[in-house]
Amino acid sequence: MRPVHDLVIAGGGPAGLATALHAARAGLDTVVVEPRPAPVDKACGEGLMPGAVRALGALGLEVPGRPLAGIRYVQGPRAVQAAFRRGPGLGVRRTALHGALHRAVLDAGVPVLPLRVAEVRQDGAGVTVPGTGLRARWLVAADGLHSPVRRALGLGAPPRGAGEARYGLRRHYAVPPWSSYVEVHWGVEGEAYVTPLGPGLVGVALLTGRRAPFGDHLRAFPELVARLPPEAAVTPVRGAGPLRQRARTRVHGRVLLVGDAAGYVDALTGEGISLALTGAEVLVANVRRGTPGRYESDWRRVTRRHRLLTETLVRARTQRALGPRITPAAARLPRVFAAAVNALA
């Protein structure tokens, strides 16, 4: 059977929608498959690094949010901050980001079908999605951290090393932001991210290897408890994890993986959306050029810096002797800290 479409994209989150926008610009016949109605909320730090802001601008998108000046590490009385050098980041609700991307995809003429991809069948000419009537030259798996397509194709791989599994929890509080920086508070068992999202709203994301309720983890940060009264909480707690996910490859025949489905290290450096946008661009560029096999090496190249810095930081974080020294070391070496922040930004 001859393919009907150029791309079927499994997953209508930021990675899938960004892939669809790049594909539409490249003149590729594209369909997005997403069973959940937009916008979809999920556990997310909601802080876009400057690179992600630039990538959205290149797609012609303006997303409402709160400008972010940089990153501040806080550990008890110690604090050190680094400003972004190439423009601000953006604190933006996940729902606002998803809604803007979804509208742009529809405006570009790309259909978003309320279907689910649970199985794929491929041959030398294309990919068929059983039960949907869809067939395309390529299928893009953009279906998230625990990608059903990755699992169905046996492309998952066990995490390297014996480090603890880490999880994320997120909640919003109706309080005015007290800083223009994303604050990363370092505790004994995890980190708390505070992201300014609007004139009267902050998002709090907790990363930890210990399974416990949000409130239990928050109590490890007395300075935040004092600023975030329980009655100011305006959204339910959402969770995600385990965060570390590996894929054996990003290219499997006529199936290409992008976003969190392509592999994920940790949320510690806040680069998930940036990587999804970058991955979407290089994926479509290779499909357009007729060089899909190069996508694997291109993905490794554009994510190498992030993967190296994040792996290093997570390993240091999970070692009892090194974890408590990260913020003091950053305070003693502010230029090194600023260089690391801007390398990721």
C-alpha atoms as a PDB file:
ATOM      1  CA  MET A   1       0.000   0.000   0.000  1.00  0.00           C
ATOM      2  CA  ARG A   2       1.343   3.411  -0.963  1.00  0.00           C
ATOM      3  CA  PRO A   3       1.716   5.973   1.860  1.00  0.00           C
ATOM      4  CA  VAL A   4      -1.035   8.588   2.063  1.00  0.00           C
ATOM      5  CA  HIS A   5       0.857  11.124   4.211  1.00  0.00           C
ATOM      6  CA  ASP A   6       4.488  12.143   4.624  1.00  0.00           C
ATOM      7  CA  LEU A   7       4.348  12.153   8.445  1.00  0.00           C
ATOM      8  CA  VAL A   8       2.039  10.781  11.089  1.00  0.00           C
ATOM      9  CA  ILE A   9       2.998  12.261  14.457  1.00  0.00           C
ATOM     10  CA  ALA A  10       1.993  10.227  17.503  1.00  0.00           C
ATOM     11  CA  GLY A  11       1.587  12.738  20.318  1.00  0.00           C
ATOM     12  CA  GLY A  12       0.236  16.275  20.381  1.00  0.00           C
ATOM     13  CA  GLY A  13       2.429  17.746  23.117  1.00  0.00           C
ATOM     14  CA  PRO A  14       5.059  20.448  22.504  1.00  0.00           C
ATOM     15  CA  ALA A  15       7.467  18.064  20.742  1.00  0.00           C
ATOM     16  CA  GLY A  16       4.827  16.684  18.386  1.00  0.00           C
ATOM     17  CA  LEU A  17       3.249  20.055  17.654  1.00  0.00           C
ATOM     18  CA  ALA A  18       6.618  21.713  17.008  1.00  0.00           C
ATOM     19  CA  THR A  19       7.467  18.863  14.631  1.00  0.00           C
ATOM     20  CA  ALA A  20       4.153  19.434  12.854  1.00  0.00           C
ATOM     21  CA  LEU A  21       4.858  23.169  12.456  1.00  0.00           C
ATOM     22  CA  HIS A  22       8.320  22.543  11.007  1.00  0.00           C
ATOM     23  CA  ALA A  23       6.855  19.870   8.727  1.00  0.00           C
ATOM     24  CA  ALA A  24       4.113  22.200   7.474  1.00  0.00           C
ATOM     25  CA  ARG A  25       6.735  24.843   6.687  1.00  0.00           C
ATOM     26  CA  ALA A  26       8.711  22.213   4.772  1.00  0.00           C
ATOM     27  CA  GLY A  27       5.649  21.348   2.687  1.00  0.00           C
ATOM     28  CA  LEU A  28       5.227  17.863   4.181  1.00  0.00           C
ATOM     29  CA  ASP A  29       1.740  16.334   4.343  1.00  0.00           C
ATOM     30  CA  THR A  30       1.366  15.803   8.094  1.00  0.00           C
ATOM     31  CA  VAL A  31      -1.205  14.488  10.562  1.00  0.00           C
ATOM     32  CA  VAL A  32      -1.002  14.692  14.368  1.00  0.00           C
ATOM     33  CA  VAL A  33      -2.631  11.960  16.461  1.00  0.00           C
ATOM     34  CA  GLU A  34      -3.508  12.919  20.056  1.00  0.00           C
ATOM     35  CA  PRO A  35      -6.391  11.392  22.050  1.00  0.00           C
ATOM     36  CA  ARG A  36      -6.529  14.137  24.706  1.00  0.00           C
ATOM     37  CA  PRO A  37      -8.237  17.483  24.039  1.00  0.00           C
ATOM     38  CA  ALA A  38      -6.015  20.549  24.086  1.00  0.00           C
ATOM     39  CA  PRO A  39      -4.641  22.098  26.134  1.00  0.00           C
ATOM     40  CA  VAL A  40      -3.085  19.243  28.112  1.00  0.00           C
ATOM     41  CA  ASP A  41      -1.616  20.002  31.528  1.00  0.00           C
ATOM     42  CA  LYS A  42       1.181  17.950  33.064  1.00  0.00           C
ATOM     43  CA  ALA A  43       3.922  18.178  35.671  1.00  0.00           C
ATOM     44  CA  CYS A  44       6.420  20.685  34.267  1.00  0.00           C
ATOM     45  CA  GLY A  45       8.768  23.296  35.677  1.00  0.00           C
ATOM     46  CA  GLU A  46       7.255  25.808  33.190  1.00  0.00           C
ATOM     47  CA  GLY A  47      10.437  27.821  32.825  1.00  0.00           C
ATOM     48  CA  LEU A  48      11.598  28.221  29.213  1.00  0.00           C
ATOM     49  CA  MET A  49      15.295  28.865  28.735  1.00  0.00           C
ATOM     50  CA  PRO A  50      16.249  31.652  26.285  1.00  0.00           C
ATOM     51  CA  GLY A  51      17.011  29.085  23.583  1.00  0.00           C
ATOM     52  CA  ALA A  52      13.441  27.804  23.756  1.00  0.00           C
ATOM     53  CA  VAL A  53      12.087  31.368  23.593  1.00  0.00           C
ATOM     54  CA  ARG A  54      14.136  31.996  20.443  1.00  0.00           C
ATOM     55  CA  ALA A  55      12.975  28.698  18.921  1.00  0.00           C
ATOM     56  CA  LEU A  56       9.327  29.617  19.503  1.00  0.00           C
ATOM     57  CA  GLY A  57       9.941  33.046  17.996  1.00  0.00           C
ATOM     58  CA  ALA A  58      11.452  31.413  14.906  1.00  0.00           C
ATOM     59  CA  LEU A  59       8.181  29.486  14.546  1.00  0.00           C
ATOM     60  CA  GLY A  60       6.286  32.776  14.679  1.00  0.00           C
ATOM     61  CA  LEU A  61       4.799  32.112  18.114  1.00  0.00           C
ATOM     62  CA  GLU A  62       4.231  34.634  20.878  1.00  0.00           C
ATOM     63  CA  VAL A  63       3.407  32.877  24.137  1.00  0.00           C
ATOM     64  CA  PRO A  64       2.153  34.904  27.133  1.00  0.00           C
ATOM     65  CA  GLY A  65       4.322  34.603  30.200  1.00  0.00           C
ATOM     66  CA  ARG A  66       6.677  36.225  32.671  1.00  0.00           C
ATOM     67  CA  PRO A  67      10.226  37.171  31.547  1.00  0.00           C
ATOM     68  CA  LEU A  68      12.950  35.316  33.452  1.00  0.00           C
ATOM     69  CA  ALA A  69      16.248  37.069  34.150  1.00  0.00           C
ATOM     70  CA  GLY A  70      18.285  33.986  35.005  1.00  0.00           C
ATOM     71  CA  ILE A  71      18.822  31.163  37.499  1.00  0.00           C
ATOM     72  CA  ARG A  72      19.380  31.474  41.252  1.00  0.00           C
ATOM     73  CA  TYR A  73      20.597  28.622  43.469  1.00  0.00           C
ATOM     74  CA  VAL A  74      19.533  28.794  47.118  1.00  0.00           C
ATOM     75  CA  GLN A  75      20.682  26.583  49.971  1.00  0.00           C
ATOM     76  CA  GLY A  76      19.805  27.869  53.426  1.00  0.00           C
ATOM     77  CA  PRO A  77      21.467  31.287  53.837  1.00  0.00           C
ATOM     78  CA  ARG A  78      23.605  30.820  50.716  1.00  0.00           C
ATOM     79  CA  ALA A  79      22.483  32.086  47.324  1.00  0.00           C
ATOM     80  CA  VAL A  80      24.150  32.627  43.965  1.00  0.00           C
ATOM     81  CA  GLN A  81      22.598  33.764  40.727  1.00  0.00           C
ATOM     82  CA  ALA A  82      23.521  33.985  37.056  1.00  0.00           C
ATOM     83  CA  ALA A  83      21.790  36.224  34.541  1.00  0.00           C
ATOM     84  CA  PHE A  84      20.966  35.060  31.044  1.00  0.00           C
ATOM     85  CA  ARG A  85      23.285  36.821  28.582  1.00  0.00           C
ATOM     86  CA  ARG A  86      21.348  36.328  25.334  1.00  0.00           C
ATOM     87  CA  GLY A  87      17.893  37.560  26.214  1.00  0.00           C
ATOM     88  CA  PRO A  88      15.409  36.501  28.874  1.00  0.00           C
ATOM     89  CA  GLY A  89      13.790  33.170  29.465  1.00  0.00           C
ATOM     90  CA  LEU A  90      10.041  32.893  29.962  1.00  0.00           C
ATOM     91  CA  GLY A  91       7.880  31.564  32.774  1.00  0.00           C
ATOM     92  CA  VAL A  92       4.761  30.228  31.063  1.00  0.00           C
ATOM     93  CA  ARG A  93       1.933  27.935  32.085  1.00  0.00           C
ATOM     94  CA  ARG A  94       2.150  24.587  30.348  1.00  0.00           C
ATOM     95  CA  THR A  95      -1.453  24.976  29.218  1.00  0.00           C
ATOM     96  CA  ALA A  96      -0.706  28.371  27.621  1.00  0.00           C
ATOM     97  CA  LEU A  97       2.290  26.956  25.752  1.00  0.00           C
ATOM     98  CA  HIS A  98       0.355  23.916  24.579  1.00  0.00           C
ATOM     99  CA  GLY A  99      -2.633  26.026  23.548  1.00  0.00           C
ATOM    100  CA  ALA A 100      -0.477  28.377  21.466  1.00  0.00           C
ATOM    101  CA  LEU A 101       1.259  25.499  19.689  1.00  0.00           C
ATOM    102  CA  HIS A 102      -2.041  23.691  19.076  1.00  0.00           C
ATOM    103  CA  ARG A 103      -3.676  26.774  17.533  1.00  0.00           C
ATOM    104  CA  ALA A 104      -0.640  27.376  15.323  1.00  0.00           C
ATOM    105  CA  VAL A 105      -0.737  23.780  14.045  1.00  0.00           C
ATOM    106  CA  LEU A 106      -4.427  24.052  13.170  1.00  0.00           C
ATOM    107  CA  ASP A 107      -3.831  27.441  11.507  1.00  0.00           C
ATOM    108  CA  ALA A 108      -1.096  25.782   9.421  1.00  0.00           C
ATOM    109  CA  GLY A 109      -3.685  23.329   8.097  1.00  0.00           C
ATOM    110  CA  VAL A 110      -2.386  20.283   9.956  1.00  0.00           C
ATOM    111  CA  PRO A 111      -5.217  18.077  11.274  1.00  0.00           C
ATOM    112  CA  VAL A 112      -5.078  16.876  14.889  1.00  0.00           C
ATOM    113  CA  LEU A 113      -7.054  13.645  15.143  1.00  0.00           C
ATOM    114  CA  PRO A 114      -8.481  12.339  18.469  1.00  0.00           C
ATOM    115  CA  LEU A 115      -6.956   8.881  18.017  1.00  0.00           C
ATOM    116  CA  ARG A 116      -4.446   6.755  19.893  1.00  0.00           C
ATOM    117  CA  VAL A 117      -1.342   5.048  18.509  1.00  0.00           C
ATOM    118  CA  ALA A 118      -0.795   1.765  20.333  1.00  0.00           C
ATOM    119  CA  GLU A 119       0.821  -0.247  17.544  1.00  0.00           C
ATOM    120  CA  VAL A 120       2.717   0.449  14.330  1.00  0.00           C
ATOM    121  CA  ARG A 121       3.481  -1.735  11.342  1.00  0.00           C
ATOM    122  CA  GLN A 122       6.163  -0.744   8.904  1.00  0.00           C
ATOM    123  CA  ASP A 123       7.529  -1.961   5.601  1.00  0.00           C
ATOM    124  CA  GLY A 124       9.981  -0.645   3.058  1.00  0.00           C
ATOM    125  CA  ALA A 125       7.619   2.042   1.809  1.00  0.00           C
ATOM    126  CA  GLY A 126       5.942   3.362   4.953  1.00  0.00           C
ATOM    127  CA  VAL A 127       4.220   2.905   8.299  1.00  0.00           C
ATOM    128  CA  THR A 128       0.652   1.855   9.016  1.00  0.00           C
ATOM    129  CA  VAL A 129      -1.163   2.627  12.277  1.00  0.00           C
ATOM    130  CA  PRO A 130      -3.664  -0.217  12.838  1.00  0.00           C
ATOM    131  CA  GLY A 131      -7.169   0.820  13.839  1.00  0.00           C
ATOM    132  CA  THR A 132      -6.819   4.382  12.557  1.00  0.00           C
ATOM    133  CA  GLY A 133      -6.729   4.072   8.780  1.00  0.00           C
ATOM    134  CA  LEU A 134      -3.523   6.126   8.743  1.00  0.00           C
ATOM    135  CA  ARG A 135      -0.475   5.375   6.636  1.00  0.00           C
ATOM    136  CA  ALA A 136       2.567   7.567   6.025  1.00  0.00           C
ATOM    137  CA  ARG A 137       6.131   7.473   4.792  1.00  0.00           C
ATOM    138  CA  TRP A 138       7.343   8.161   8.348  1.00  0.00           C
ATOM    139  CA  LEU A 139       5.913   7.948  11.837  1.00  0.00           C
ATOM    140  CA  VAL A 140       7.206  10.330  14.513  1.00  0.00           C
ATOM    141  CA  ALA A 141       6.908   9.091  18.088  1.00  0.00           C
ATOM    142  CA  ALA A 142       6.407  12.247  20.165  1.00  0.00           C
ATOM    143  CA  ASP A 143       4.333  10.489  22.812  1.00  0.00           C
ATOM    144  CA  GLY A 144       6.193  11.486  25.934  1.00  0.00           C
ATOM    145  CA  LEU A 145       8.366  10.250  28.744  1.00  0.00           C
ATOM    146  CA  HIS A 146       6.811   6.769  28.849  1.00  0.00           C
ATOM    147  CA  SER A 147       6.295   6.545  25.087  1.00  0.00           C
ATOM    148  CA  PRO A 148       3.891   3.727  24.129  1.00  0.00           C
ATOM    149  CA  VAL A 149       5.466   3.601  20.655  1.00  0.00           C
ATOM    150  CA  ARG A 150       8.969   3.253  22.087  1.00  0.00           C
ATOM    151  CA  ARG A 151       7.728   0.468  24.339  1.00  0.00           C
ATOM    152  CA  ALA A 152       5.775  -1.311  21.586  1.00  0.00           C
ATOM    153  CA  LEU A 153       8.877  -1.386  19.364  1.00  0.00           C
ATOM    154  CA  GLY A 154      11.158  -2.563  22.174  1.00  0.00           C
ATOM    155  CA  LEU A 155      13.322   0.533  21.902  1.00  0.00           C
ATOM    156  CA  GLY A 156      13.589   1.254  25.627  1.00  0.00           C
ATOM    157  CA  ALA A 157      16.897   0.671  27.390  1.00  0.00           C
ATOM    158  CA  PRO A 158      17.696   0.378  31.103  1.00  0.00           C
ATOM    159  CA  PRO A 159      19.210   3.506  32.685  1.00  0.00           C
ATOM    160  CA  ARG A 160      22.995   3.551  32.894  1.00  0.00           C
ATOM    161  CA  GLY A 161      24.435   3.328  36.382  1.00  0.00           C
ATOM    162  CA  ALA A 162      22.741   2.460  39.647  1.00  0.00           C
ATOM    163  CA  GLY A 163      21.480   5.930  40.566  1.00  0.00           C
ATOM    164  CA  GLU A 164      18.152   6.414  42.277  1.00  0.00           C
ATOM    165  CA  ALA A 165      14.982   6.931  40.266  1.00  0.00           C
ATOM    166  CA  ARG A 166      13.832  10.563  40.439  1.00  0.00           C
ATOM    167  CA  TYR A 167      10.332  11.987  40.276  1.00  0.00           C
ATOM    168  CA  GLY A 168       8.747  15.391  39.786  1.00  0.00           C
ATOM    169  CA  LEU A 169       5.758  17.027  41.494  1.00  0.00           C
ATOM    170  CA  ARG A 170       4.250  20.411  40.615  1.00  0.00           C
ATOM    171  CA  ARG A 171       1.706  22.829  42.067  1.00  0.00           C
ATOM    172  CA  HIS A 172       0.789  26.506  41.593  1.00  0.00           C
ATOM    173  CA  TYR A 173       0.349  29.205  44.225  1.00  0.00           C
ATOM    174  CA  ALA A 174      -1.498  32.505  43.858  1.00  0.00           C
ATOM    175  CA  VAL A 175       1.222  34.705  45.346  1.00  0.00           C
ATOM    176  CA  PRO A 176       3.211  37.518  43.700  1.00  0.00           C
ATOM    177  CA  PRO A 177       6.651  36.393  42.476  1.00  0.00           C
ATOM    178  CA  TRP A 178       9.373  37.686  44.747  1.00  0.00           C
ATOM    179  CA  SER A 179      12.100  37.374  42.110  1.00  0.00           C
ATOM    180  CA  SER A 180      12.570  37.599  38.343  1.00  0.00           C
ATOM    181  CA  TYR A 181      14.850  34.539  38.544  1.00  0.00           C
ATOM    182  CA  VAL A 182      13.978  30.876  38.573  1.00  0.00           C
ATOM    183  CA  GLU A 183      14.979  29.810  42.055  1.00  0.00           C
ATOM    184  CA  VAL A 184      16.390  26.334  42.648  1.00  0.00           C
ATOM    185  CA  HIS A 185      16.292  25.536  46.361  1.00  0.00           C
ATOM    186  CA  TRP A 186      18.585  22.660  47.318  1.00  0.00           C
ATOM    187  CA  GLY A 187      17.446  20.386  50.117  1.00  0.00           C
ATOM    188  CA  VAL A 188      18.735  17.191  51.660  1.00  0.00           C
ATOM    189  CA  GLU A 189      16.560  14.874  49.549  1.00  0.00           C
ATOM    190  CA  GLY A 190      15.637  16.989  46.534  1.00  0.00           C
ATOM    191  CA  GLU A 191      15.232  20.352  44.892  1.00  0.00           C
ATOM    192  CA  ALA A 192      12.399  22.868  44.743  1.00  0.00           C
ATOM    193  CA  TYR A 193      12.030  25.023  41.642  1.00  0.00           C
ATOM    194  CA  VAL A 194      10.114  28.290  41.932  1.00  0.00           C
ATOM    195  CA  THR A 195       9.162  29.829  38.577  1.00  0.00           C
ATOM    196  CA  PRO A 196       7.459  33.238  38.226  1.00  0.00           C
ATOM    197  CA  LEU A 197       4.474  32.779  35.893  1.00  0.00           C
ATOM    198  CA  GLY A 198       2.471  35.994  36.218  1.00  0.00           C
ATOM    199  CA  PRO A 199       1.890  39.029  38.443  1.00  0.00           C
ATOM    200  CA  GLY A 200       0.126  36.862  41.027  1.00  0.00           C
ATOM    201  CA  LEU A 201       1.265  33.314  40.272  1.00  0.00           C
ATOM    202  CA  VAL A 202       4.290  31.090  40.851  1.00  0.00           C
ATOM    203  CA  GLY A 203       4.835  27.461  39.986  1.00  0.00           C
ATOM    204  CA  VAL A 204       6.615  25.150  42.421  1.00  0.00           C
ATOM    205  CA  ALA A 205       8.164  21.956  41.095  1.00  0.00           C
ATOM    206  CA  LEU A 206       9.802  19.429  43.401  1.00  0.00           C
ATOM    207  CA  LEU A 207      12.388  16.901  42.185  1.00  0.00           C
ATOM    208  CA  THR A 208      13.308  14.015  44.443  1.00  0.00           C
ATOM    209  CA  GLY A 209      14.137  10.350  44.671  1.00  0.00           C
ATOM    210  CA  ARG A 210      11.802   9.795  47.653  1.00  0.00           C
ATOM    211  CA  ARG A 211       8.160   8.914  47.071  1.00  0.00           C
ATOM    212  CA  ALA A 212       6.101  11.103  49.397  1.00  0.00           C
ATOM    213  CA  PRO A 213       3.256  13.676  49.196  1.00  0.00           C
ATOM    214  CA  PHE A 214       3.992  17.178  47.899  1.00  0.00           C
ATOM    215  CA  GLY A 215       3.436  18.748  51.318  1.00  0.00           C
ATOM    216  CA  ASP A 216       5.947  16.441  52.973  1.00  0.00           C
ATOM    217  CA  HIS A 217       8.630  17.424  50.485  1.00  0.00           C
ATOM    218  CA  LEU A 218       7.794  21.130  50.692  1.00  0.00           C
ATOM    219  CA  ARG A 219       8.288  21.116  54.465  1.00  0.00           C
ATOM    220  CA  ALA A 220      11.979  20.451  53.823  1.00  0.00           C
ATOM    221  CA  PHE A 221      12.189  24.070  52.591  1.00  0.00           C
ATOM    222  CA  PRO A 222      11.064  26.295  55.516  1.00  0.00           C
ATOM    223  CA  GLU A 223      11.771  29.512  53.590  1.00  0.00           C
ATOM    224  CA  LEU A 224       9.288  28.424  50.920  1.00  0.00           C
ATOM    225  CA  VAL A 225       6.689  27.232  53.425  1.00  0.00           C
ATOM    226  CA  ALA A 226       6.732  30.752  54.886  1.00  0.00           C
ATOM    227  CA  ARG A 227       6.033  32.279  51.458  1.00  0.00           C
ATOM    228  CA  LEU A 228       3.500  29.699  50.240  1.00  0.00           C
ATOM    229  CA  PRO A 229       0.520  29.350  52.612  1.00  0.00           C
ATOM    230  CA  PRO A 230      -1.618  26.247  51.912  1.00  0.00           C
ATOM    231  CA  GLU A 231      -4.667  28.386  51.126  1.00  0.00           C
ATOM    232  CA  ALA A 232      -2.737  30.018  48.244  1.00  0.00           C
ATOM    233  CA  ALA A 233      -2.499  26.709  46.356  1.00  0.00           C
ATOM    234  CA  VAL A 234      -4.682  27.005  43.244  1.00  0.00           C
ATOM    235  CA  THR A 235      -3.998  23.799  41.311  1.00  0.00           C
ATOM    236  CA  PRO A 236      -3.857  20.132  42.252  1.00  0.00           C
ATOM    237  CA  VAL A 237      -0.532  18.352  42.496  1.00  0.00           C
ATOM    238  CA  ARG A 238       0.648  16.707  39.286  1.00  0.00           C
ATOM    239  CA  GLY A 239       3.459  14.183  39.146  1.00  0.00           C
ATOM    240  CA  ALA A 240       5.814  12.599  36.622  1.00  0.00           C
ATOM    241  CA  GLY A 241       8.491   9.941  36.675  1.00  0.00           C
ATOM    242  CA  PRO A 242      10.672   8.098  36.892  1.00  0.00           C
ATOM    243  CA  LEU A 243      12.372  10.868  34.963  1.00  0.00           C
ATOM    244  CA  ARG A 244      15.388   9.077  33.516  1.00  0.00           C
ATOM    245  CA  GLN A 245      14.445   7.276  30.305  1.00  0.00           C
ATOM    246  CA  ARG A 246      16.689   5.840  27.614  1.00  0.00           C
ATOM    247  CA  ALA A 247      16.029   4.866  24.025  1.00  0.00           C
ATOM    248  CA  ARG A 248      18.352   2.491  22.198  1.00  0.00           C
ATOM    249  CA  THR A 249      18.034   4.606  19.071  1.00  0.00           C
ATOM    250  CA  ARG A 250      16.090   7.571  17.710  1.00  0.00           C
ATOM    251  CA  VAL A 251      15.739   5.949  14.261  1.00  0.00           C
ATOM    252  CA  HIS A 252      14.066   2.555  13.882  1.00  0.00           C
ATOM    253  CA  GLY A 253      13.251   1.828  10.270  1.00  0.00           C
ATOM    254  CA  ARG A 254      10.606   4.400   9.369  1.00  0.00           C
ATOM    255  CA  VAL A 255       9.902   5.419  12.980  1.00  0.00           C
ATOM    256  CA  LEU A 256      11.669   8.494  14.404  1.00  0.00           C
ATOM    257  CA  LEU A 257      11.621   9.470  18.107  1.00  0.00           C
ATOM    258  CA  VAL A 258      11.563  13.064  19.326  1.00  0.00           C
ATOM    259  CA  GLY A 259      11.105  14.967  22.595  1.00  0.00           C
ATOM    260  CA  ASP A 260      10.951  12.996  25.837  1.00  0.00           C
ATOM    261  CA  ALA A 261      10.231   9.825  23.847  1.00  0.00           C
ATOM    262  CA  ALA A 262      13.764  10.083  22.401  1.00  0.00           C
ATOM    263  CA  GLY A 263      15.301   9.832  25.884  1.00  0.00           C
ATOM    264  CA  TYR A 264      15.415  11.986  29.000  1.00  0.00           C
ATOM    265  CA  VAL A 265      18.056  12.552  31.673  1.00  0.00           C
ATOM    266  CA  ASP A 266      16.495  14.734  34.368  1.00  0.00           C
ATOM    267  CA  ALA A 267      14.536  17.951  34.872  1.00  0.00           C
ATOM    268  CA  LEU A 268      17.342  19.443  36.979  1.00  0.00           C
ATOM    269  CA  THR A 269      18.515  21.841  34.258  1.00  0.00           C
ATOM    270  CA  GLY A 270      15.045  22.718  32.923  1.00  0.00           C
ATOM    271  CA  GLU A 271      15.846  21.990  29.287  1.00  0.00           C
ATOM    272  CA  GLY A 272      13.015  19.647  28.291  1.00  0.00           C
ATOM    273  CA  ILE A 273      11.116  22.083  26.054  1.00  0.00           C
ATOM    274  CA  SER A 274      14.315  23.441  24.474  1.00  0.00           C
ATOM    275  CA  LEU A 275      15.428  19.922  23.553  1.00  0.00           C
ATOM    276  CA  ALA A 276      11.989  19.068  22.179  1.00  0.00           C
ATOM    277  CA  LEU A 277      12.000  22.150  19.926  1.00  0.00           C
ATOM    278  CA  THR A 278      15.565  21.539  18.748  1.00  0.00           C
ATOM    279  CA  GLY A 279      14.898  17.861  18.109  1.00  0.00           C
ATOM    280  CA  ALA A 280      11.781  18.678  16.092  1.00  0.00           C
ATOM    281  CA  GLU A 281      13.739  21.023  13.851  1.00  0.00           C
ATOM    282  CA  VAL A 282      16.585  18.600  13.077  1.00  0.00           C
ATOM    283  CA  LEU A 283      14.168  15.703  12.562  1.00  0.00           C
ATOM    284  CA  VAL A 284      12.153  17.548   9.926  1.00  0.00           C
ATOM    285  CA  ALA A 285      15.308  18.911   8.279  1.00  0.00           C
ATOM    286  CA  ASN A 286      16.544  15.357   7.733  1.00  0.00           C
ATOM    287  CA  VAL A 287      13.199  14.085   6.436  1.00  0.00           C
ATOM    288  CA  ARG A 288      13.028  17.021   4.017  1.00  0.00           C
ATOM    289  CA  ARG A 289      16.576  16.378   2.763  1.00  0.00           C
ATOM    290  CA  GLY A 290      15.938  12.657   2.420  1.00  0.00           C
ATOM    291  CA  THR A 291      18.583  11.844   5.043  1.00  0.00           C
ATOM    292  CA  PRO A 292      16.517  10.395   7.933  1.00  0.00           C
ATOM    293  CA  GLY A 293      19.393   8.131   8.956  1.00  0.00           C
ATOM    294  CA  ARG A 294      21.378  11.244   9.905  1.00  0.00           C
ATOM    295  CA  TYR A 295      18.791  12.262  12.469  1.00  0.00           C
ATOM    296  CA  GLU A 296      20.384   9.996  15.108  1.00  0.00           C
ATOM    297  CA  SER A 297      23.814  11.644  14.840  1.00  0.00           C
ATOM    298  CA  ASP A 298      22.298  15.114  14.565  1.00  0.00           C
ATOM    299  CA  TRP A 299      20.178  14.501  17.679  1.00  0.00           C
ATOM    300  CA  ARG A 300      23.250  13.363  19.595  1.00  0.00           C
ATOM    301  CA  ARG A 301      25.171  16.416  18.440  1.00  0.00           C
ATOM    302  CA  VAL A 302      22.547  19.027  19.370  1.00  0.00           C
ATOM    303  CA  THR A 303      21.806  17.422  22.768  1.00  0.00           C
ATOM    304  CA  ARG A 304      25.387  16.504  23.750  1.00  0.00           C
ATOM    305  CA  ARG A 305      26.091  19.566  25.873  1.00  0.00           C
ATOM    306  CA  HIS A 306      22.817  19.244  27.740  1.00  0.00           C
ATOM    307  CA  ARG A 307      23.255  15.526  28.359  1.00  0.00           C
ATOM    308  CA  LEU A 308      26.828  15.944  29.614  1.00  0.00           C
ATOM    309  CA  LEU A 309      26.079  18.850  31.981  1.00  0.00           C
ATOM    310  CA  THR A 310      22.859  17.308  33.280  1.00  0.00           C
ATOM    311  CA  GLU A 311      24.436  13.889  33.864  1.00  0.00           C
ATOM    312  CA  THR A 312      27.310  15.529  35.746  1.00  0.00           C
ATOM    313  CA  LEU A 313      25.008  17.608  37.931  1.00  0.00           C
ATOM    314  CA  VAL A 314      22.635  14.721  38.713  1.00  0.00           C
ATOM    315  CA  ARG A 315      25.513  12.417  39.650  1.00  0.00           C
ATOM    316  CA  ALA A 316      26.936  15.057  41.967  1.00  0.00           C
ATOM    317  CA  ARG A 317      23.470  15.702  43.397  1.00  0.00           C
ATOM    318  CA  THR A 318      22.831  12.066  44.280  1.00  0.00           C
ATOM    319  CA  GLN A 319      26.153  11.591  46.100  1.00  0.00           C
ATOM    320  CA  ARG A 320      25.851  12.421  49.785  1.00  0.00           C
ATOM    321  CA  ALA A 321      29.319  13.946  49.934  1.00  0.00           C
ATOM    322  CA  LEU A 322      28.887  16.175  46.883  1.00  0.00           C
ATOM    323  CA  GLY A 323      25.202  17.161  46.887  1.00  0.00           C
ATOM    324  CA  PRO A 324      25.419  19.696  49.761  1.00  0.00           C
ATOM    325  CA  ARG A 325      28.461  21.324  48.136  1.00  0.00           C
ATOM    326  CA  ILE A 326      26.914  22.303  44.802  1.00  0.00           C
ATOM    327  CA  THR A 327      25.544  25.697  45.871  1.00  0.00           C
ATOM    328  CA  PRO A 328      28.616  26.634  47.977  1.00  0.00           C
ATOM    329  CA  ALA A 329      30.843  25.719  45.015  1.00  0.00           C
ATOM    330  CA  ALA A 330      28.716  27.837  42.670  1.00  0.00           C
ATOM    331  CA  ALA A 331      28.955  30.751  45.130  1.00  0.00           C
ATOM    332  CA  ARG A 332      32.760  30.420  45.285  1.00  0.00           C
ATOM    333  CA  LEU A 333      33.031  30.155  41.496  1.00  0.00           C
ATOM    334  CA  PRO A 334      30.368  32.551  40.161  1.00  0.00           C
ATOM    335  CA  ARG A 335      31.962  32.821  36.703  1.00  0.00           C
ATOM    336  CA  VAL A 336      31.956  29.051  36.299  1.00  0.00           C
ATOM    337  CA  PHE A 337      28.339  28.922  37.453  1.00  0.00           C
ATOM    338  CA  ALA A 338      27.350  31.677  35.024  1.00  0.00           C
ATOM    339  CA  ALA A 339      29.165  29.910  32.192  1.00  0.00           C
ATOM    340  CA  ALA A 340      27.304  26.645  32.914  1.00  0.00           C
ATOM    341  CA  VAL A 341      23.916  28.391  33.094  1.00  0.00           C
ATOM    342  CA  ASN A 342      24.504  30.185  29.799  1.00  0.00           C
ATOM    343  CA  ALA A 343      25.872  27.094  28.099  1.00  0.00           C
ATOM    344  CA  LEU A 344      22.485  25.499  28.733  1.00  0.00           C
ATOM    345  CA  ALA A 345      20.550  28.698  27.975  1.00  0.00           C
END
